Protein backbone atom coordinates (compact mmCIF):
# COMPACT_ATOMS: atom_id res chain seq x y z
CA UNK A 1 -84.78 119.95 12.21
CA UNK A 2 -86.61 116.90 10.85
CA UNK A 3 -89.27 119.18 9.37
CA UNK A 4 -86.64 121.28 7.56
CA UNK A 5 -85.00 118.11 6.24
CA UNK A 6 -88.36 116.82 5.02
CA UNK A 7 -89.12 120.11 3.28
CA UNK A 8 -85.69 120.10 1.60
CA UNK A 9 -86.22 116.54 0.33
CA UNK A 10 -89.66 117.49 -0.96
CA UNK A 11 -88.19 120.43 -2.86
CA UNK A 12 -85.53 118.17 -4.39
CA UNK A 13 -88.24 115.76 -5.52
CA UNK A 14 -90.23 118.56 -7.13
CA UNK A 15 -87.09 119.81 -8.89
CA UNK A 16 -86.54 116.30 -10.28
CA UNK A 17 -90.10 116.02 -11.47
CA UNK A 18 -89.90 119.43 -13.13
CA UNK A 19 -86.60 118.54 -14.81
CA UNK A 20 -87.94 115.34 -16.36
CA UNK A 21 -88.66 115.39 -20.05
CA UNK A 22 -92.13 116.75 -20.54
CA UNK A 23 -93.91 117.37 -23.82
CA UNK A 24 -97.37 118.83 -23.83
CA UNK A 25 -98.38 117.29 -27.15
CA UNK A 26 -98.06 113.62 -26.13
CA UNK A 27 -101.46 112.00 -26.55
CA UNK A 28 -100.56 108.31 -26.52
CA UNK A 29 -98.07 106.05 -24.82
CA UNK A 30 -95.04 104.66 -26.61
CA UNK A 31 -93.31 101.45 -25.53
CA UNK A 32 -90.02 103.17 -26.41
CA UNK A 33 -90.38 105.75 -23.61
CA UNK A 34 -90.43 105.70 -19.82
CA UNK A 35 -93.36 107.52 -18.21
CA UNK A 36 -93.57 108.76 -14.63
CA UNK A 37 -97.08 109.71 -13.50
CA UNK A 38 -97.14 111.56 -10.19
CA UNK A 39 -99.03 113.84 -7.87
CA UNK A 40 -97.36 116.75 -6.07
CA UNK A 41 -98.92 115.67 -2.76
CA UNK A 42 -97.79 112.04 -3.01
CA UNK A 43 -94.84 111.27 -0.69
CA UNK A 44 -94.12 107.99 -2.53
CA UNK A 45 -93.79 109.94 -5.79
CA UNK A 46 -91.16 112.16 -4.21
CA UNK A 47 -89.28 109.16 -2.79
CA UNK A 48 -89.27 107.43 -6.19
CA UNK A 49 -88.21 110.64 -7.94
CA UNK A 50 -85.27 111.13 -5.55
CA UNK A 51 -84.12 107.54 -6.06
CA UNK A 52 -84.29 107.79 -9.85
CA UNK A 53 -82.60 111.20 -9.99
CA UNK A 54 -79.77 110.09 -7.68
CA UNK A 55 -79.10 106.76 -9.39
CA UNK A 56 -79.85 107.76 -13.01
CA UNK A 57 -79.20 111.51 -13.31
CA UNK A 58 -79.13 111.46 -17.13
CA UNK A 59 -82.16 109.23 -17.64
CA UNK A 60 -84.83 110.74 -19.89
CA UNK A 61 -88.30 110.20 -18.48
CA UNK A 62 -91.58 111.70 -19.60
CA UNK A 63 -92.98 113.04 -16.37
CA UNK A 64 -96.69 113.79 -16.00
CA UNK A 65 -98.40 115.65 -13.15
CA UNK A 66 -101.92 114.26 -12.75
CA UNK A 67 -103.16 117.68 -11.72
CA UNK A 68 -103.34 118.58 -15.42
CA UNK A 69 -106.36 117.25 -17.39
CA UNK A 70 -104.45 115.98 -20.44
CA UNK A 71 -102.14 114.02 -18.18
CA UNK A 72 -105.08 112.36 -16.43
CA UNK A 73 -106.26 111.06 -19.81
CA UNK A 74 -102.79 109.66 -20.57
CA UNK A 75 -102.75 108.10 -17.07
CA UNK A 76 -106.12 106.44 -17.72
CA UNK A 77 -104.79 105.15 -21.04
CA UNK A 78 -101.81 103.63 -19.18
CA UNK A 79 -104.13 101.98 -16.66
CA UNK A 80 -106.10 100.46 -19.53
CA UNK A 81 -103.02 99.44 -21.54
CA UNK A 82 -101.36 97.74 -18.57
CA UNK A 83 -104.67 96.16 -17.47
CA UNK A 84 -104.38 97.58 -13.95
CA UNK A 85 -107.34 96.35 -11.92
CA UNK A 86 -108.87 98.12 -8.94
CA UNK A 87 -107.63 101.49 -7.81
CA UNK A 88 -104.76 102.92 -9.80
CA UNK A 89 -102.32 105.03 -7.83
CA UNK A 90 -99.15 107.00 -8.04
CA UNK A 91 -96.39 106.92 -8.73
CA UNK A 92 -97.08 104.93 -11.86
CA UNK A 93 -93.92 104.26 -13.84
CA UNK A 94 -94.42 102.64 -17.24
CA UNK A 95 -91.71 101.06 -19.36
CA UNK A 96 -92.35 98.82 -22.34
CA UNK A 97 -94.36 95.82 -21.20
CA UNK A 98 -93.82 96.57 -17.50
CA UNK A 99 -94.98 99.02 -14.89
CA UNK A 100 -94.48 99.84 -11.23
CA UNK A 101 -97.34 101.34 -9.28
CA UNK A 102 -96.56 102.76 -5.87
CA UNK A 103 -93.11 102.79 -4.35
CA UNK A 104 -91.80 100.51 -1.63
CA UNK A 105 -88.48 98.89 -0.68
CA UNK A 106 -88.65 96.19 -3.40
CA UNK A 107 -89.44 98.69 -6.14
CA UNK A 108 -85.86 100.00 -6.33
CA UNK A 109 -84.66 96.60 -7.52
CA UNK A 110 -87.60 96.23 -9.88
CA UNK A 111 -86.98 99.69 -11.34
CA UNK A 112 -83.26 98.89 -11.80
CA UNK A 113 -84.20 95.73 -13.68
CA UNK A 114 -86.91 97.25 -15.89
CA UNK A 115 -84.88 100.32 -16.79
CA UNK A 116 -81.92 98.41 -18.27
CA UNK A 117 -83.11 98.42 -21.92
CA UNK A 118 -83.63 102.19 -21.72
CA UNK A 119 -80.09 102.80 -20.48
CA UNK A 120 -78.58 101.23 -23.58
CA UNK A 121 -80.27 103.70 -25.97
């Protein structure tokens, strides 16, 4: 039963990631957009995606799967722009001057705080 529940949650996360705004021609980051870099195999990415989709169902996010080469370049640009030191991981959520890398219990509150300017648009 737990395995079925886990699979169902994983599918919901993938549906969220697929439903996020995605444009293939984006080659540079904009401070006016929210970016969600993820990997299909990352459980933290799925947890973050479920939280965001449930709490902000109408939020427009540019979602990028790191499996695709062009998205890896954009991810590397984000790592450079945000001056992330050491190993960069997923999920990486970028908004304006702020970012969240990884997803733990405190990150829900941080996301809720950082997303406020993007909700008023």
